[in-house]
């Protein structure tokens, strides 16, 4: 799916998105995360040993919500999560630089890259303006 221009404009801002997956009991598990765009896909990284990774591996369907507060347009994006390999943490670096100064990004990435990080690609199938 190609993102509408209005949704892309919001997604190009360094806002926090809410990543939603489904837990084993069928309840939503929603967490705030940083992200980057790769074409029309949303890229998210974090620590691998978190519940959200186990949940999305069991059920890759989910959603991402952005904006909708402080007078900003908001969007609910529905789609599928795909765990990808990023051994050099290139996406983690790129995303961190969107949110932090270069100095702070280097400091955090030095620490974070010693951990077992994950990278997921969220492939958008549907866009809903909220």
N, C-alpha and C. Protein backbone atom coordinates (compact mmCIF):
# COMPACT_ATOMS: atom_id res chain seq x y z
N UNK A 1 0.84 -1.18 0.00
CA UNK A 1 0.00 0.00 0.00
C UNK A 1 0.88 1.24 0.00
N UNK A 2 0.47 2.23 -0.73
CA UNK A 2 1.17 3.51 -0.74
C UNK A 2 0.53 4.41 0.31
N UNK A 3 1.35 4.98 1.18
CA UNK A 3 0.84 5.87 2.22
C UNK A 3 0.27 7.14 1.60
N UNK A 4 -0.88 7.61 2.08
CA UNK A 4 -1.40 8.90 1.62
C UNK A 4 -0.43 10.01 2.03
N UNK A 5 -0.37 11.07 1.23
CA UNK A 5 0.56 12.18 1.50
C UNK A 5 0.37 12.76 2.90
N UNK A 6 -0.87 12.92 3.35
CA UNK A 6 -1.13 13.50 4.67
C UNK A 6 -0.57 12.61 5.78
N UNK A 7 -0.72 11.29 5.66
CA UNK A 7 -0.17 10.37 6.66
C UNK A 7 1.35 10.38 6.61
N UNK A 8 1.92 10.41 5.42
CA UNK A 8 3.39 10.46 5.27
C UNK A 8 3.94 11.72 5.93
N UNK A 9 3.24 12.85 5.78
CA UNK A 9 3.71 14.11 6.38
C UNK A 9 3.80 13.98 7.90
N UNK A 10 2.84 13.32 8.53
CA UNK A 10 2.89 13.11 9.98
C UNK A 10 4.01 12.12 10.33
N UNK A 11 4.15 11.08 9.54
CA UNK A 11 5.17 10.05 9.80
C UNK A 11 6.60 10.56 9.57
N UNK A 12 6.76 11.68 8.93
CA UNK A 12 8.10 12.23 8.71
C UNK A 12 8.55 13.10 9.88
N UNK A 13 7.70 13.26 10.88
CA UNK A 13 8.06 14.01 12.08
C UNK A 13 8.61 13.04 13.13
N UNK A 14 9.56 13.50 13.96
CA UNK A 14 10.10 12.61 14.99
C UNK A 14 9.14 12.48 16.19
N UNK A 15 7.99 11.88 15.93
CA UNK A 15 7.00 11.63 16.97
C UNK A 15 7.14 10.20 17.47
N UNK A 16 6.57 9.94 18.60
CA UNK A 16 6.53 8.57 19.12
C UNK A 16 5.28 7.90 18.56
N UNK A 17 5.43 6.69 18.06
CA UNK A 17 4.26 5.91 17.61
C UNK A 17 3.93 4.89 18.68
N UNK A 18 2.69 4.45 18.66
CA UNK A 18 2.27 3.38 19.55
C UNK A 18 2.18 2.11 18.72
N UNK A 19 3.00 1.16 19.10
CA UNK A 19 3.09 -0.13 18.42
C UNK A 19 2.15 -1.09 19.15
N UNK A 20 1.19 -1.67 18.42
CA UNK A 20 0.24 -2.59 19.05
C UNK A 20 0.36 -3.98 18.45
N UNK A 21 0.48 -4.94 19.34
CA UNK A 21 0.49 -6.36 18.98
C UNK A 21 -0.55 -7.04 19.88
N UNK A 22 -0.78 -8.32 19.65
CA UNK A 22 -1.77 -9.04 20.44
C UNK A 22 -1.08 -10.06 21.34
N UNK A 23 -1.45 -10.04 22.64
CA UNK A 23 -0.85 -11.01 23.57
C UNK A 23 -1.54 -12.37 23.43
N UNK A 24 -1.01 -13.41 24.08
CA UNK A 24 -1.58 -14.76 23.92
C UNK A 24 -3.03 -14.88 24.37
N UNK A 25 -3.50 -13.97 25.23
CA UNK A 25 -4.89 -14.00 25.68
C UNK A 25 -5.81 -13.20 24.76
N UNK A 26 -5.27 -12.63 23.68
CA UNK A 26 -6.07 -11.89 22.73
C UNK A 26 -6.22 -10.41 23.03
N UNK A 27 -5.51 -9.92 24.06
CA UNK A 27 -5.58 -8.51 24.41
C UNK A 27 -4.53 -7.70 23.67
N UNK A 28 -4.83 -6.43 23.40
CA UNK A 28 -3.82 -5.57 22.78
C UNK A 28 -2.66 -5.33 23.75
N UNK A 29 -1.47 -5.31 23.22
CA UNK A 29 -0.26 -4.96 23.97
C UNK A 29 0.31 -3.76 23.22
N UNK A 30 0.24 -2.58 23.82
CA UNK A 30 0.58 -1.33 23.15
C UNK A 30 1.76 -0.68 23.86
N UNK A 31 2.80 -0.34 23.08
CA UNK A 31 3.99 0.29 23.64
C UNK A 31 4.42 1.47 22.76
N UNK A 32 4.91 2.55 23.39
CA UNK A 32 5.43 3.68 22.62
C UNK A 32 6.83 3.37 22.12
N UNK A 33 7.11 3.69 20.86
CA UNK A 33 8.43 3.41 20.28
C UNK A 33 8.83 4.51 19.31
N UNK A 34 10.14 4.63 19.09
CA UNK A 34 10.69 5.46 18.03
C UNK A 34 10.61 4.66 16.74
N UNK A 35 10.67 5.37 15.62
CA UNK A 35 10.57 4.67 14.34
C UNK A 35 11.26 5.47 13.24
N UNK A 36 11.44 4.82 12.11
CA UNK A 36 11.92 5.46 10.90
C UNK A 36 11.10 4.93 9.74
N UNK A 37 11.14 5.62 8.62
CA UNK A 37 10.42 5.18 7.43
C UNK A 37 11.39 4.59 6.41
N UNK A 38 10.97 3.50 5.81
CA UNK A 38 11.69 2.90 4.69
C UNK A 38 10.68 2.76 3.56
N UNK A 39 10.60 3.77 2.72
CA UNK A 39 9.54 3.80 1.72
C UNK A 39 8.21 3.98 2.43
N UNK A 40 7.32 3.00 2.28
CA UNK A 40 6.02 3.05 2.96
C UNK A 40 5.99 2.16 4.20
N UNK A 41 7.11 1.56 4.55
CA UNK A 41 7.19 0.68 5.72
C UNK A 41 7.73 1.44 6.93
N UNK A 42 7.29 1.04 8.09
CA UNK A 42 7.74 1.64 9.34
C UNK A 42 8.75 0.69 9.98
N UNK A 43 9.92 1.24 10.33
CA UNK A 43 10.99 0.44 10.92
C UNK A 43 11.09 0.78 12.41
N UNK A 44 11.16 -0.27 13.24
CA UNK A 44 11.20 -0.11 14.70
C UNK A 44 12.30 -1.02 15.23
N UNK A 45 13.05 -0.52 16.22
CA UNK A 45 14.06 -1.37 16.85
C UNK A 45 13.89 -1.32 18.37
N UNK A 46 14.51 -2.27 19.03
CA UNK A 46 14.47 -2.31 20.50
C UNK A 46 15.18 -3.55 20.98
N UNK A 47 15.03 -3.82 22.27
CA UNK A 47 15.66 -5.01 22.85
C UNK A 47 14.86 -6.25 22.47
N UNK A 48 15.56 -7.30 22.08
CA UNK A 48 14.93 -8.52 21.60
C UNK A 48 14.16 -9.26 22.71
N UNK A 49 14.62 -9.20 23.94
CA UNK A 49 13.99 -10.00 25.00
C UNK A 49 12.77 -9.31 25.61
N UNK A 50 11.96 -8.68 24.79
CA UNK A 50 10.75 -8.02 25.28
C UNK A 50 9.52 -8.81 24.83
N UNK A 51 8.43 -8.61 25.55
CA UNK A 51 7.20 -9.35 25.24
C UNK A 51 6.68 -9.03 23.84
N UNK A 52 6.83 -7.80 23.40
CA UNK A 52 6.26 -7.44 22.10
C UNK A 52 6.85 -8.29 20.97
N UNK A 53 8.11 -8.65 21.08
CA UNK A 53 8.73 -9.49 20.04
C UNK A 53 8.13 -10.89 20.05
N UNK A 54 7.99 -11.48 21.23
CA UNK A 54 7.38 -12.81 21.33
C UNK A 54 5.94 -12.77 20.80
N UNK A 55 5.21 -11.71 21.14
CA UNK A 55 3.82 -11.60 20.71
C UNK A 55 3.71 -11.45 19.20
N UNK A 56 4.54 -10.62 18.58
CA UNK A 56 4.41 -10.42 17.14
C UNK A 56 4.94 -11.61 16.36
N UNK A 57 5.84 -12.38 16.96
CA UNK A 57 6.28 -13.60 16.28
C UNK A 57 5.18 -14.64 16.27
N UNK A 58 4.36 -14.64 17.32
CA UNK A 58 3.23 -15.57 17.37
C UNK A 58 2.09 -15.12 16.47
N UNK A 59 1.92 -13.80 16.34
CA UNK A 59 0.86 -13.24 15.51
C UNK A 59 1.38 -11.93 14.91
N UNK A 60 1.79 -11.94 13.65
CA UNK A 60 2.41 -10.75 13.07
C UNK A 60 1.45 -9.60 12.74
N UNK A 61 0.16 -9.83 12.85
CA UNK A 61 -0.79 -8.76 12.57
C UNK A 61 -0.81 -7.76 13.72
N UNK A 62 -0.89 -6.47 13.37
CA UNK A 62 -0.90 -5.46 14.42
C UNK A 62 -1.23 -4.11 13.86
N UNK A 63 -0.94 -3.10 14.66
CA UNK A 63 -1.20 -1.74 14.22
C UNK A 63 -0.17 -0.79 14.81
N UNK A 64 -0.12 0.38 14.22
CA UNK A 64 0.73 1.48 14.68
C UNK A 64 -0.16 2.71 14.66
N UNK A 65 -0.12 3.48 15.74
CA UNK A 65 -0.91 4.72 15.82
C UNK A 65 0.05 5.88 16.00
N UNK A 66 -0.20 6.97 15.28
CA UNK A 66 0.63 8.16 15.39
C UNK A 66 -0.24 9.40 15.38
N UNK A 67 0.19 10.41 16.13
CA UNK A 67 -0.48 11.70 16.14
C UNK A 67 -1.83 11.64 16.81
N UNK A 68 -2.67 12.62 16.44
CA UNK A 68 -4.00 12.69 17.00
C UNK A 68 -4.08 13.46 18.30
N UNK A 69 -2.96 14.05 18.72
CA UNK A 69 -2.95 14.82 19.95
C UNK A 69 -2.40 16.22 19.66
N UNK A 70 -2.66 17.14 20.53
CA UNK A 70 -2.16 18.51 20.40
C UNK A 70 -2.46 19.14 19.04
N UNK A 71 -3.63 18.81 18.50
CA UNK A 71 -4.03 19.42 17.23
C UNK A 71 -3.41 18.80 16.00
N UNK A 72 -2.63 17.74 16.16
CA UNK A 72 -2.03 17.07 15.00
C UNK A 72 -3.02 16.07 14.40
N UNK A 73 -2.93 15.86 13.10
CA UNK A 73 -3.68 14.78 12.48
C UNK A 73 -3.18 13.47 13.08
N UNK A 74 -4.06 12.50 13.17
CA UNK A 74 -3.68 11.20 13.69
C UNK A 74 -4.07 10.10 12.73
N UNK A 75 -3.31 9.01 12.78
CA UNK A 75 -3.56 7.89 11.88
C UNK A 75 -3.38 6.57 12.61
N UNK A 76 -4.24 5.62 12.29
CA UNK A 76 -4.11 4.25 12.73
C UNK A 76 -3.73 3.45 11.50
N UNK A 77 -2.60 2.80 11.56
CA UNK A 77 -2.10 2.00 10.44
C UNK A 77 -2.22 0.54 10.82
N UNK A 78 -2.82 -0.25 9.98
CA UNK A 78 -2.95 -1.69 10.22
C UNK A 78 -2.07 -2.43 9.24
N UNK A 79 -1.47 -3.53 9.71
CA UNK A 79 -0.59 -4.28 8.82
C UNK A 79 0.06 -5.45 9.52
N UNK A 80 1.22 -5.82 9.00
CA UNK A 80 1.95 -7.00 9.48
C UNK A 80 3.38 -6.63 9.85
N UNK A 81 3.83 -7.20 10.97
CA UNK A 81 5.21 -7.03 11.42
C UNK A 81 6.08 -8.16 10.89
N UNK A 82 7.28 -7.81 10.47
CA UNK A 82 8.25 -8.80 9.99
C UNK A 82 9.56 -8.53 10.72
N UNK A 83 10.08 -9.54 11.43
CA UNK A 83 11.37 -9.39 12.10
C UNK A 83 12.46 -9.50 11.04
N UNK A 84 13.39 -8.55 11.05
CA UNK A 84 14.48 -8.54 10.07
C UNK A 84 15.83 -8.54 10.76
N UNK A 85 16.83 -8.89 10.02
CA UNK A 85 18.20 -8.88 10.50
C UNK A 85 18.82 -7.50 10.26
N UNK A 86 19.54 -7.00 11.24
CA UNK A 86 20.26 -5.73 11.12
C UNK A 86 21.52 -5.83 11.99
N UNK A 87 22.45 -6.73 11.60
CA UNK A 87 23.60 -7.02 12.48
C UNK A 87 24.48 -5.81 12.78
N UNK A 88 24.52 -4.83 11.92
CA UNK A 88 25.33 -3.64 12.16
C UNK A 88 24.53 -2.54 12.85
N UNK A 89 23.26 -2.82 13.15
CA UNK A 89 22.37 -1.85 13.81
C UNK A 89 22.23 -0.55 13.02
N UNK A 90 22.26 -0.65 11.71
CA UNK A 90 22.17 0.55 10.87
C UNK A 90 20.85 1.29 11.07
N UNK A 91 19.75 0.54 11.17
CA UNK A 91 18.46 1.18 11.40
C UNK A 91 18.38 1.77 12.79
N UNK A 92 18.92 1.09 13.77
CA UNK A 92 18.91 1.64 15.14
C UNK A 92 19.64 2.98 15.17
N UNK A 93 20.78 3.04 14.51
CA UNK A 93 21.53 4.30 14.43
C UNK A 93 20.71 5.38 13.73
N UNK A 94 20.15 5.02 12.59
CA UNK A 94 19.39 5.99 11.80
C UNK A 94 18.20 6.53 12.60
N UNK A 95 17.46 5.65 13.24
CA UNK A 95 16.29 6.06 14.02
C UNK A 95 16.70 6.90 15.22
N UNK A 96 17.73 6.49 15.93
CA UNK A 96 18.17 7.23 17.11
C UNK A 96 18.58 8.65 16.74
N UNK A 97 19.23 8.81 15.61
CA UNK A 97 19.65 10.15 15.16
C UNK A 97 18.46 11.05 14.82
N UNK A 98 17.32 10.46 14.54
CA UNK A 98 16.12 11.27 14.27
C UNK A 98 15.60 11.92 15.56
N UNK A 99 15.88 11.30 16.69
CA UNK A 99 15.30 11.73 17.96
C UNK A 99 16.29 12.41 18.91
N UNK A 100 17.58 12.19 18.69
CA UNK A 100 18.59 12.70 19.62
C UNK A 100 19.69 13.46 18.88
N UNK A 101 20.42 14.26 19.61
CA UNK A 101 21.59 14.92 19.04
C UNK A 101 22.60 13.84 18.66
N UNK A 102 23.54 14.18 17.80
CA UNK A 102 24.55 13.22 17.36
C UNK A 102 25.34 12.69 18.56
N UNK A 103 25.70 13.58 19.48
CA UNK A 103 26.50 13.18 20.65
C UNK A 103 25.72 12.19 21.53
N UNK A 104 24.48 12.49 21.82
CA UNK A 104 23.67 11.61 22.65
C UNK A 104 23.36 10.30 21.93
N UNK A 105 23.14 10.37 20.62
CA UNK A 105 22.90 9.15 19.83
C UNK A 105 24.11 8.23 19.90
N UNK A 106 25.31 8.80 19.76
CA UNK A 106 26.53 7.97 19.85
C UNK A 106 26.65 7.32 21.22
N UNK A 107 26.37 8.09 22.25
CA UNK A 107 26.44 7.56 23.61
C UNK A 107 25.45 6.40 23.79
N UNK A 108 24.21 6.60 23.40
CA UNK A 108 23.21 5.56 23.56
C UNK A 108 23.49 4.35 22.67
N UNK A 109 23.88 4.58 21.43
CA UNK A 109 24.12 3.45 20.53
C UNK A 109 25.34 2.64 20.95
N UNK A 110 26.31 3.27 21.56
CA UNK A 110 27.46 2.52 22.09
C UNK A 110 26.97 1.54 23.15
N UNK A 111 26.07 2.00 23.99
CA UNK A 111 25.51 1.15 25.04
C UNK A 111 24.53 0.12 24.45
N UNK A 112 23.58 0.59 23.65
CA UNK A 112 22.54 -0.29 23.13
C UNK A 112 23.06 -1.35 22.18
N UNK A 113 24.09 -1.05 21.40
CA UNK A 113 24.57 -2.02 20.42
C UNK A 113 25.26 -3.22 21.08
N UNK A 114 25.51 -3.13 22.38
CA UNK A 114 26.06 -4.27 23.11
C UNK A 114 24.96 -5.26 23.49
N UNK A 115 23.71 -4.84 23.33
CA UNK A 115 22.55 -5.68 23.67
C UNK A 115 22.07 -6.43 22.43
N UNK A 116 21.19 -7.38 22.67
CA UNK A 116 20.58 -8.13 21.58
C UNK A 116 19.38 -7.31 21.08
N UNK A 117 19.58 -6.56 20.00
CA UNK A 117 18.54 -5.70 19.47
C UNK A 117 17.73 -6.42 18.39
N UNK A 118 16.48 -6.02 18.24
CA UNK A 118 15.64 -6.52 17.15
C UNK A 118 15.37 -5.38 16.19
N UNK A 119 14.98 -5.74 15.01
CA UNK A 119 14.50 -4.78 14.02
C UNK A 119 13.24 -5.38 13.42
N UNK A 120 12.17 -4.59 13.40
CA UNK A 120 10.96 -5.06 12.73
C UNK A 120 10.55 -4.05 11.67
N UNK A 121 10.02 -4.61 10.63
CA UNK A 121 9.44 -3.83 9.54
C UNK A 121 7.93 -3.98 9.67
N UNK A 122 7.23 -2.85 9.70
CA UNK A 122 5.78 -2.89 9.73
C UNK A 122 5.29 -2.53 8.34
N UNK A 123 4.67 -3.51 7.68
CA UNK A 123 4.15 -3.32 6.33
C UNK A 123 2.69 -2.90 6.44
N UNK A 124 2.41 -1.68 6.01
CA UNK A 124 1.08 -1.10 6.16
C UNK A 124 0.13 -1.65 5.10
N UNK A 125 -1.04 -2.14 5.56
CA UNK A 125 -2.06 -2.63 4.65
C UNK A 125 -3.27 -1.72 4.58
N UNK A 126 -3.48 -0.91 5.64
CA UNK A 126 -4.65 -0.05 5.71
C UNK A 126 -4.32 1.19 6.54
N UNK A 127 -4.80 2.36 6.10
CA UNK A 127 -4.60 3.62 6.81
C UNK A 127 -5.95 4.20 7.15
N UNK A 128 -6.13 4.52 8.45
CA UNK A 128 -7.38 5.11 8.93
C UNK A 128 -7.05 6.43 9.61
N UNK A 129 -7.68 7.52 9.17
CA UNK A 129 -7.49 8.81 9.83
C UNK A 129 -8.33 8.81 11.10
N UNK A 130 -7.71 9.20 12.23
CA UNK A 130 -8.43 9.21 13.52
C UNK A 130 -8.62 10.63 14.02
